[in-house]
Structures are given as structure tokens and as C-alpha cells.
Amino acid sequence: MGIKILCTIDFSDSSIQALRWAIMTAQQQKAHLTILYVYRLTKPEKGEVIEMKKKIEVEAARNIAILEKELMQGQGITYDFRTEVGFVADRIEDYAKKNTVSCLVMDKAMSTGNKETFGDLIEHIKVPLVIVP
């Protein structure tokens, strides 16, 4: 079983910095990197939840394709990209229950979104956490 890094992203500048750190660490540790994009479905336009979900995921795929070209291609790492609907802490916890996670990387803004939920997350997943400013 190799090292597996989970990095959350929302495509903000600070989360891209966290991704940069995760990529560098994956290179150094010869680790697999999973990039997790979590989003919420709030106020669907005209009640079209499926269309809203599709639109968000298409945009996320476009954004990650840009980052792949800029940051990941040719870096000698393996990685995958996942999109999930829900709360970030819940989706991280669920992922960690179903998969081996050696390290969680996230940016400071994502970690301070809901301090109570974030505290519960840290208590439950019990893996090293790196918060990138």
C-alpha cells in the first residue's frame, strides 16, 4: 500500500496553492494524489437540479483540465479528480472511511469554513493534516 494524499480544492487561489503543495509532496513521497472538489446544490434554477449539477461538474472538469496542463502533466505523479455534492467535512470523512488516506491537504479558508464541523472531521479521520495558508 503506497502513500495516498487527499487534497481538497474549490479552485480559489488559496486552494490552488494547497494543490501545489500536495503535488510537490506527492512527487517527493512517490504518492498518489486524489483531488476532491465538493460543491453544494443550493437554489437550483427553475428546480432543475440535474442540469445545475451537470453545469457545475462541467465547469469543474474545465478548471481541473487547466490545472492539469499547468501543474500536473509531466510531474511524474499519479492522480485522480473527484467531484462530490455535500459539505466538505462530510465528504472528506466519507472518502477517508472508504479509502486509505495518508495525508489530508487543504487551504486555510476551507479549513475554517465551519470550525465545529472541521473539528469533528479532524477527530474522526485521524490522519495528518496540512493546512496551506
N, C-alpha and C. Protein backbone atom coordinates (compact mmCIF):
# COMPACT_ATOMS: atom_id res chain seq x y z
N MET A 1 0.85 -1.18 0.00
CA MET A 1 0.00 0.00 0.00
C MET A 1 0.89 1.24 0.00
N GLY A 2 0.71 2.10 -0.99
CA GLY A 2 1.51 3.30 -1.11
C GLY A 2 0.90 4.46 -0.35
N ILE A 3 1.61 5.54 -0.38
CA ILE A 3 1.14 6.77 0.26
C ILE A 3 0.07 7.40 -0.62
N LYS A 4 -1.00 7.88 0.02
CA LYS A 4 -2.11 8.49 -0.70
C LYS A 4 -2.45 9.83 -0.05
N ILE A 5 -2.38 10.87 -0.87
CA ILE A 5 -2.67 12.22 -0.41
C ILE A 5 -4.04 12.63 -0.93
N LEU A 6 -4.85 13.20 -0.04
CA LEU A 6 -6.15 13.75 -0.42
C LEU A 6 -6.05 15.27 -0.30
N CYS A 7 -6.37 15.97 -1.38
CA CYS A 7 -6.30 17.43 -1.38
C CYS A 7 -7.66 17.99 -1.80
N THR A 8 -8.22 18.84 -0.97
CA THR A 8 -9.49 19.48 -1.32
C THR A 8 -9.20 20.73 -2.14
N ILE A 9 -10.12 21.03 -3.03
CA ILE A 9 -9.95 22.21 -3.89
C ILE A 9 -11.30 22.84 -4.17
N ASP A 10 -11.31 24.16 -4.25
CA ASP A 10 -12.52 24.86 -4.70
C ASP A 10 -12.17 25.82 -5.84
N PHE A 11 -10.96 25.70 -6.36
CA PHE A 11 -10.42 26.48 -7.46
C PHE A 11 -10.12 27.92 -7.10
N SER A 12 -10.15 28.26 -5.81
CA SER A 12 -9.71 29.58 -5.37
C SER A 12 -8.18 29.60 -5.42
N ASP A 13 -7.59 30.79 -5.38
CA ASP A 13 -6.13 30.89 -5.41
C ASP A 13 -5.50 30.14 -4.24
N SER A 14 -6.11 30.25 -3.06
CA SER A 14 -5.52 29.58 -1.89
C SER A 14 -5.62 28.06 -2.01
N SER A 15 -6.70 27.55 -2.59
CA SER A 15 -6.79 26.09 -2.73
C SER A 15 -5.84 25.59 -3.82
N ILE A 16 -5.56 26.42 -4.81
CA ILE A 16 -4.58 26.04 -5.83
C ILE A 16 -3.18 26.00 -5.21
N GLN A 17 -2.92 26.88 -4.26
CA GLN A 17 -1.63 26.83 -3.54
C GLN A 17 -1.54 25.53 -2.73
N ALA A 18 -2.63 25.12 -2.13
CA ALA A 18 -2.65 23.85 -1.41
C ALA A 18 -2.40 22.70 -2.38
N LEU A 19 -2.98 22.77 -3.56
CA LEU A 19 -2.75 21.74 -4.57
C LEU A 19 -1.29 21.71 -4.99
N ARG A 20 -0.68 22.86 -5.16
CA ARG A 20 0.76 22.92 -5.49
C ARG A 20 1.58 22.18 -4.43
N TRP A 21 1.25 22.44 -3.17
CA TRP A 21 1.97 21.78 -2.08
C TRP A 21 1.75 20.27 -2.14
N ALA A 22 0.52 19.86 -2.40
CA ALA A 22 0.20 18.43 -2.47
C ALA A 22 0.94 17.77 -3.63
N ILE A 23 1.03 18.45 -4.76
CA ILE A 23 1.76 17.91 -5.91
C ILE A 23 3.24 17.73 -5.57
N MET A 24 3.83 18.76 -4.96
CA MET A 24 5.24 18.69 -4.58
C MET A 24 5.49 17.52 -3.61
N THR A 25 4.60 17.36 -2.66
CA THR A 25 4.73 16.28 -1.69
C THR A 25 4.53 14.92 -2.36
N ALA A 26 3.58 14.83 -3.26
CA ALA A 26 3.35 13.58 -3.99
C ALA A 26 4.59 13.19 -4.78
N GLN A 27 5.25 14.18 -5.38
CA GLN A 27 6.49 13.91 -6.11
C GLN A 27 7.56 13.37 -5.17
N GLN A 28 7.75 14.06 -4.06
CA GLN A 28 8.81 13.68 -3.11
C GLN A 28 8.56 12.31 -2.49
N GLN A 29 7.30 12.01 -2.19
CA GLN A 29 6.96 10.78 -1.49
C GLN A 29 6.53 9.65 -2.43
N LYS A 30 6.52 9.95 -3.73
CA LYS A 30 6.02 8.99 -4.73
C LYS A 30 4.61 8.51 -4.35
N ALA A 31 3.78 9.48 -4.03
CA ALA A 31 2.42 9.22 -3.54
C ALA A 31 1.39 9.43 -4.65
N HIS A 32 0.25 8.79 -4.49
CA HIS A 32 -0.89 9.03 -5.37
C HIS A 32 -1.66 10.21 -4.78
N LEU A 33 -2.12 11.10 -5.64
CA LEU A 33 -2.85 12.29 -5.23
C LEU A 33 -4.30 12.21 -5.70
N THR A 34 -5.22 12.36 -4.76
CA THR A 34 -6.64 12.49 -5.10
C THR A 34 -7.04 13.93 -4.82
N ILE A 35 -7.61 14.56 -5.83
CA ILE A 35 -8.08 15.94 -5.72
C ILE A 35 -9.60 15.89 -5.58
N LEU A 36 -10.10 16.47 -4.50
CA LEU A 36 -11.53 16.39 -4.19
C LEU A 36 -12.17 17.77 -4.27
N TYR A 37 -13.13 17.90 -5.16
CA TYR A 37 -13.91 19.13 -5.31
C TYR A 37 -15.31 18.85 -4.79
N VAL A 38 -15.69 19.58 -3.75
CA VAL A 38 -17.00 19.41 -3.13
C VAL A 38 -17.82 20.67 -3.39
N TYR A 39 -19.06 20.48 -3.78
CA TYR A 39 -19.92 21.63 -4.03
C TYR A 39 -21.30 21.36 -3.47
N ARG A 40 -22.04 22.44 -3.30
CA ARG A 40 -23.40 22.36 -2.78
C ARG A 40 -24.38 22.69 -3.88
N LEU A 41 -25.53 22.06 -3.84
CA LEU A 41 -26.62 22.36 -4.76
C LEU A 41 -27.64 23.21 -4.01
N THR A 42 -27.49 24.51 -4.12
CA THR A 42 -28.40 25.43 -3.45
C THR A 42 -29.13 26.26 -4.49
N LYS A 43 -30.39 26.47 -4.25
CA LYS A 43 -31.25 27.27 -5.12
C LYS A 43 -31.12 26.89 -6.59
N PRO A 44 -31.56 25.70 -6.93
CA PRO A 44 -31.50 25.33 -8.35
C PRO A 44 -32.36 26.26 -9.19
N GLU A 45 -31.84 26.57 -10.36
CA GLU A 45 -32.58 27.42 -11.29
C GLU A 45 -33.80 26.67 -11.80
N LYS A 46 -34.98 27.22 -11.59
CA LYS A 46 -36.24 26.64 -12.07
C LYS A 46 -36.42 25.20 -11.62
N GLY A 47 -35.84 24.84 -10.48
CA GLY A 47 -35.98 23.49 -9.96
C GLY A 47 -35.21 22.44 -10.74
N GLU A 48 -34.31 22.83 -11.60
CA GLU A 48 -33.57 21.92 -12.47
C GLU A 48 -32.28 21.46 -11.77
N VAL A 49 -32.40 20.60 -10.78
CA VAL A 49 -31.25 20.14 -10.00
C VAL A 49 -30.25 19.37 -10.88
N ILE A 50 -30.75 18.52 -11.72
CA ILE A 50 -29.85 17.70 -12.56
C ILE A 50 -29.05 18.59 -13.50
N GLU A 51 -29.70 19.55 -14.11
CA GLU A 51 -28.99 20.47 -15.02
C GLU A 51 -27.97 21.31 -14.25
N MET A 52 -28.33 21.76 -13.06
CA MET A 52 -27.42 22.55 -12.24
C MET A 52 -26.19 21.72 -11.88
N LYS A 53 -26.42 20.48 -11.48
CA LYS A 53 -25.33 19.57 -11.12
C LYS A 53 -24.40 19.36 -12.32
N LYS A 54 -24.99 19.12 -13.47
CA LYS A 54 -24.21 18.90 -14.69
C LYS A 54 -23.36 20.13 -15.02
N LYS A 55 -23.96 21.31 -14.92
CA LYS A 55 -23.26 22.56 -15.22
C LYS A 55 -22.07 22.76 -14.27
N ILE A 56 -22.25 22.51 -12.99
CA ILE A 56 -21.17 22.66 -12.01
C ILE A 56 -20.05 21.67 -12.31
N GLU A 57 -20.41 20.43 -12.62
CA GLU A 57 -19.39 19.42 -12.87
C GLU A 57 -18.64 19.66 -14.18
N VAL A 58 -19.31 20.19 -15.19
CA VAL A 58 -18.63 20.55 -16.45
C VAL A 58 -17.61 21.67 -16.18
N GLU A 59 -18.03 22.65 -15.42
CA GLU A 59 -17.12 23.75 -15.07
C GLU A 59 -15.93 23.25 -14.26
N ALA A 60 -16.17 22.35 -13.32
CA ALA A 60 -15.08 21.77 -12.52
C ALA A 60 -14.12 20.99 -13.41
N ALA A 61 -14.65 20.24 -14.37
CA ALA A 61 -13.80 19.48 -15.30
C ALA A 61 -12.94 20.43 -16.13
N ARG A 62 -13.52 21.54 -16.56
CA ARG A 62 -12.74 22.54 -17.31
C ARG A 62 -11.62 23.11 -16.44
N ASN A 63 -11.96 23.46 -15.22
CA ASN A 63 -10.96 24.03 -14.31
C ASN A 63 -9.83 23.05 -14.01
N ILE A 64 -10.17 21.79 -13.77
CA ILE A 64 -9.11 20.82 -13.46
C ILE A 64 -8.26 20.54 -14.69
N ALA A 65 -8.85 20.58 -15.88
CA ALA A 65 -8.07 20.38 -17.11
C ALA A 65 -7.01 21.47 -17.25
N ILE A 66 -7.36 22.69 -16.92
CA ILE A 66 -6.40 23.80 -16.97
C ILE A 66 -5.28 23.54 -15.96
N LEU A 67 -5.65 23.15 -14.74
CA LEU A 67 -4.64 22.88 -13.71
C LEU A 67 -3.77 21.69 -14.07
N GLU A 68 -4.35 20.69 -14.72
CA GLU A 68 -3.55 19.54 -15.15
C GLU A 68 -2.44 20.00 -16.09
N LYS A 69 -2.79 20.83 -17.06
CA LYS A 69 -1.79 21.32 -18.01
C LYS A 69 -0.75 22.18 -17.33
N GLU A 70 -1.18 23.05 -16.41
CA GLU A 70 -0.27 23.99 -15.76
C GLU A 70 0.59 23.34 -14.66
N LEU A 71 0.02 22.39 -13.92
CA LEU A 71 0.69 21.92 -12.72
C LEU A 71 1.06 20.44 -12.68
N MET A 72 0.27 19.58 -13.31
CA MET A 72 0.43 18.16 -13.04
C MET A 72 1.08 17.35 -14.16
N GLN A 73 0.84 17.72 -15.40
CA GLN A 73 1.39 16.93 -16.50
C GLN A 73 2.91 16.96 -16.46
N GLY A 74 3.48 15.78 -16.62
CA GLY A 74 4.94 15.66 -16.65
C GLY A 74 5.60 15.74 -15.28
N GLN A 75 4.82 15.68 -14.22
CA GLN A 75 5.38 15.78 -12.87
C GLN A 75 5.70 14.42 -12.26
N GLY A 76 5.38 13.36 -12.98
CA GLY A 76 5.72 12.02 -12.50
C GLY A 76 4.87 11.54 -11.34
N ILE A 77 3.64 12.04 -11.24
CA ILE A 77 2.75 11.59 -10.17
C ILE A 77 1.50 10.97 -10.78
N THR A 78 0.86 10.11 -9.99
CA THR A 78 -0.45 9.61 -10.37
C THR A 78 -1.49 10.40 -9.59
N TYR A 79 -2.61 10.64 -10.22
CA TYR A 79 -3.64 11.43 -9.55
C TYR A 79 -5.00 11.12 -10.15
N ASP A 80 -6.02 11.44 -9.38
CA ASP A 80 -7.39 11.37 -9.88
C ASP A 80 -8.15 12.57 -9.33
N PHE A 81 -9.25 12.89 -9.99
CA PHE A 81 -10.07 14.03 -9.63
C PHE A 81 -11.48 13.54 -9.37
N ARG A 82 -12.04 13.95 -8.24
CA ARG A 82 -13.40 13.53 -7.86
C ARG A 82 -14.24 14.77 -7.56
N THR A 83 -15.50 14.70 -7.95
CA THR A 83 -16.46 15.74 -7.57
C THR A 83 -17.50 15.08 -6.68
N GLU A 84 -17.90 15.80 -5.66
CA GLU A 84 -18.89 15.28 -4.71
C GLU A 84 -19.83 16.41 -4.33
N VAL A 85 -21.07 16.07 -4.07
CA VAL A 85 -22.07 17.02 -3.61
C VAL A 85 -22.17 16.89 -2.10
N GLY A 86 -22.16 18.01 -1.39
CA GLY A 86 -22.34 17.97 0.06
C GLY A 86 -21.49 18.99 0.78
N PHE A 87 -21.25 18.72 2.05
CA PHE A 87 -20.40 19.55 2.88
C PHE A 87 -18.97 19.00 2.81
N VAL A 88 -17.98 19.88 2.75
CA VAL A 88 -16.60 19.45 2.59
C VAL A 88 -16.19 18.45 3.67
N ALA A 89 -16.43 18.78 4.92
CA ALA A 89 -16.01 17.89 6.01
C ALA A 89 -16.67 16.51 5.90
N ASP A 90 -17.94 16.48 5.56
CA ASP A 90 -18.64 15.20 5.42
C ASP A 90 -18.08 14.37 4.28
N ARG A 91 -17.80 15.02 3.16
CA ARG A 91 -17.28 14.30 2.00
C ARG A 91 -15.86 13.79 2.26
N ILE A 92 -15.05 14.56 2.97
CA ILE A 92 -13.70 14.11 3.33
C ILE A 92 -13.80 12.89 4.24
N GLU A 93 -14.63 13.01 5.25
CA GLU A 93 -14.78 11.90 6.20
C GLU A 93 -15.27 10.64 5.50
N ASP A 94 -16.23 10.77 4.62
CA ASP A 94 -16.74 9.62 3.88
C ASP A 94 -15.65 9.01 3.01
N TYR A 95 -14.90 9.86 2.32
CA TYR A 95 -13.81 9.36 1.47
C TYR A 95 -12.78 8.61 2.31
N ALA A 96 -12.43 9.18 3.46
CA ALA A 96 -11.41 8.55 4.31
C ALA A 96 -11.89 7.22 4.89
N LYS A 97 -13.19 7.06 5.10
CA LYS A 97 -13.73 5.80 5.59
C LYS A 97 -13.62 4.70 4.53
N LYS A 98 -13.77 5.09 3.26
CA LYS A 98 -13.80 4.12 2.17
C LYS A 98 -12.44 3.90 1.51
N ASN A 99 -11.49 4.79 1.77
CA ASN A 99 -10.19 4.74 1.12
C ASN A 99 -9.07 5.00 2.13
N THR A 100 -7.91 4.53 1.82
CA THR A 100 -6.75 4.83 2.65
C THR A 100 -6.31 6.26 2.34
N VAL A 101 -6.13 7.04 3.38
CA VAL A 101 -5.62 8.40 3.23
C VAL A 101 -4.43 8.55 4.16
N SER A 102 -3.28 8.89 3.59
CA SER A 102 -2.06 9.07 4.38
C SER A 102 -1.94 10.49 4.89
N CYS A 103 -2.51 11.44 4.15
CA CYS A 103 -2.38 12.86 4.49
C CYS A 103 -3.51 13.62 3.83
N LEU A 104 -4.05 14.59 4.54
CA LEU A 104 -5.08 15.48 4.02
C LEU A 104 -4.46 16.86 3.87
N VAL A 105 -4.61 17.45 2.68
CA VAL A 105 -4.08 18.80 2.41
C VAL A 105 -5.25 19.69 2.04
N MET A 106 -5.33 20.84 2.69
CA MET A 106 -6.37 21.80 2.35
C MET A 106 -5.87 23.21 2.62
N ASP A 107 -6.54 24.18 2.03
CA ASP A 107 -6.13 25.56 2.29
C ASP A 107 -6.83 26.09 3.52
N LYS A 108 -6.27 27.15 4.07
CA LYS A 108 -6.77 27.70 5.33
C LYS A 108 -8.25 28.10 5.25
N ALA A 109 -8.65 28.70 4.15
CA ALA A 109 -10.05 29.14 4.01
C ALA A 109 -11.02 27.98 4.09
N MET A 110 -10.67 26.85 3.47
CA MET A 110 -11.56 25.68 3.51
C MET A 110 -11.62 25.08 4.91
N SER A 111 -10.51 25.16 5.64
CA SER A 111 -10.47 24.54 6.96
C SER A 111 -11.19 25.38 8.01
N THR A 112 -11.42 26.65 7.74
CA THR A 112 -12.07 27.50 8.74
C THR A 112 -13.52 27.81 8.38
N GLY A 113 -14.05 27.18 7.35
CA GLY A 113 -15.42 27.44 6.92
C GLY A 113 -16.44 27.18 8.02
N ASN A 114 -16.36 26.07 8.70
CA ASN A 114 -17.24 25.73 9.81
C ASN A 114 -16.39 25.03 10.86
N LYS A 115 -15.95 25.79 11.85
CA LYS A 115 -14.99 25.27 12.82
C LYS A 115 -15.49 24.06 13.58
N GLU A 116 -16.77 24.01 13.91
CA GLU A 116 -17.32 22.87 14.64
C GLU A 116 -17.25 21.61 13.78
N THR A 117 -17.70 21.70 12.54
CA THR A 117 -17.66 20.56 11.63
C THR A 117 -16.23 20.16 11.34
N PHE A 118 -15.34 21.14 11.17
CA PHE A 118 -13.95 20.86 10.89
C PHE A 118 -13.30 20.15 12.07
N GLY A 119 -13.63 20.56 13.29
CA GLY A 119 -13.09 19.89 14.48
C GLY A 119 -13.54 18.44 14.55
N ASP A 120 -14.80 18.19 14.23
CA ASP A 120 -15.30 16.82 14.19
C ASP A 120 -14.57 16.01 13.13
N LEU A 121 -14.33 16.62 11.98
CA LEU A 121 -13.62 15.94 10.90
C LEU A 121 -12.24 15.49 11.36
N ILE A 122 -11.49 16.38 11.95
CA ILE A 122 -10.14 16.07 12.40
C ILE A 122 -10.16 14.95 13.43
N GLU A 123 -11.13 14.98 14.30
CA GLU A 123 -11.25 13.94 15.32
C GLU A 123 -11.56 12.58 14.70
N HIS A 124 -12.37 12.55 13.65
CA HIS A 124 -12.81 11.29 13.07
C HIS A 124 -11.85 10.67 12.07
N ILE A 125 -11.16 11.47 11.25
CA ILE A 125 -10.36 10.85 10.21
C ILE A 125 -8.98 10.42 10.69
N LYS A 126 -8.44 11.07 11.70
CA LYS A 126 -7.18 10.68 12.34
C LYS A 126 -6.05 10.43 11.33
N VAL A 127 -5.85 11.39 10.45
CA VAL A 127 -4.71 11.35 9.53
C VAL A 127 -4.00 12.70 9.64
N PRO A 128 -2.73 12.73 9.30
CA PRO A 128 -2.03 14.02 9.31
C PRO A 128 -2.72 15.04 8.40
N LEU A 129 -2.75 16.26 8.84
CA LEU A 129 -3.40 17.33 8.09
C LEU A 129 -2.39 18.45 7.86
N VAL A 130 -2.34 18.92 6.62
CA VAL A 130 -1.52 20.07 6.28
C VAL A 130 -2.47 21.17 5.82
N ILE A 131 -2.42 22.31 6.50
CA ILE A 131 -3.21 23.46 6.10
C ILE A 131 -2.26 24.46 5.47
N VAL A 132 -2.51 24.74 4.20
CA VAL A 132 -1.64 25.66 3.45
C VAL A 132 -2.28 27.05 3.49
N PRO A 133 -1.51 28.05 3.96
CA PRO A 133 -2.08 29.42 4.05
C PRO A 133 -2.38 30.01 2.70
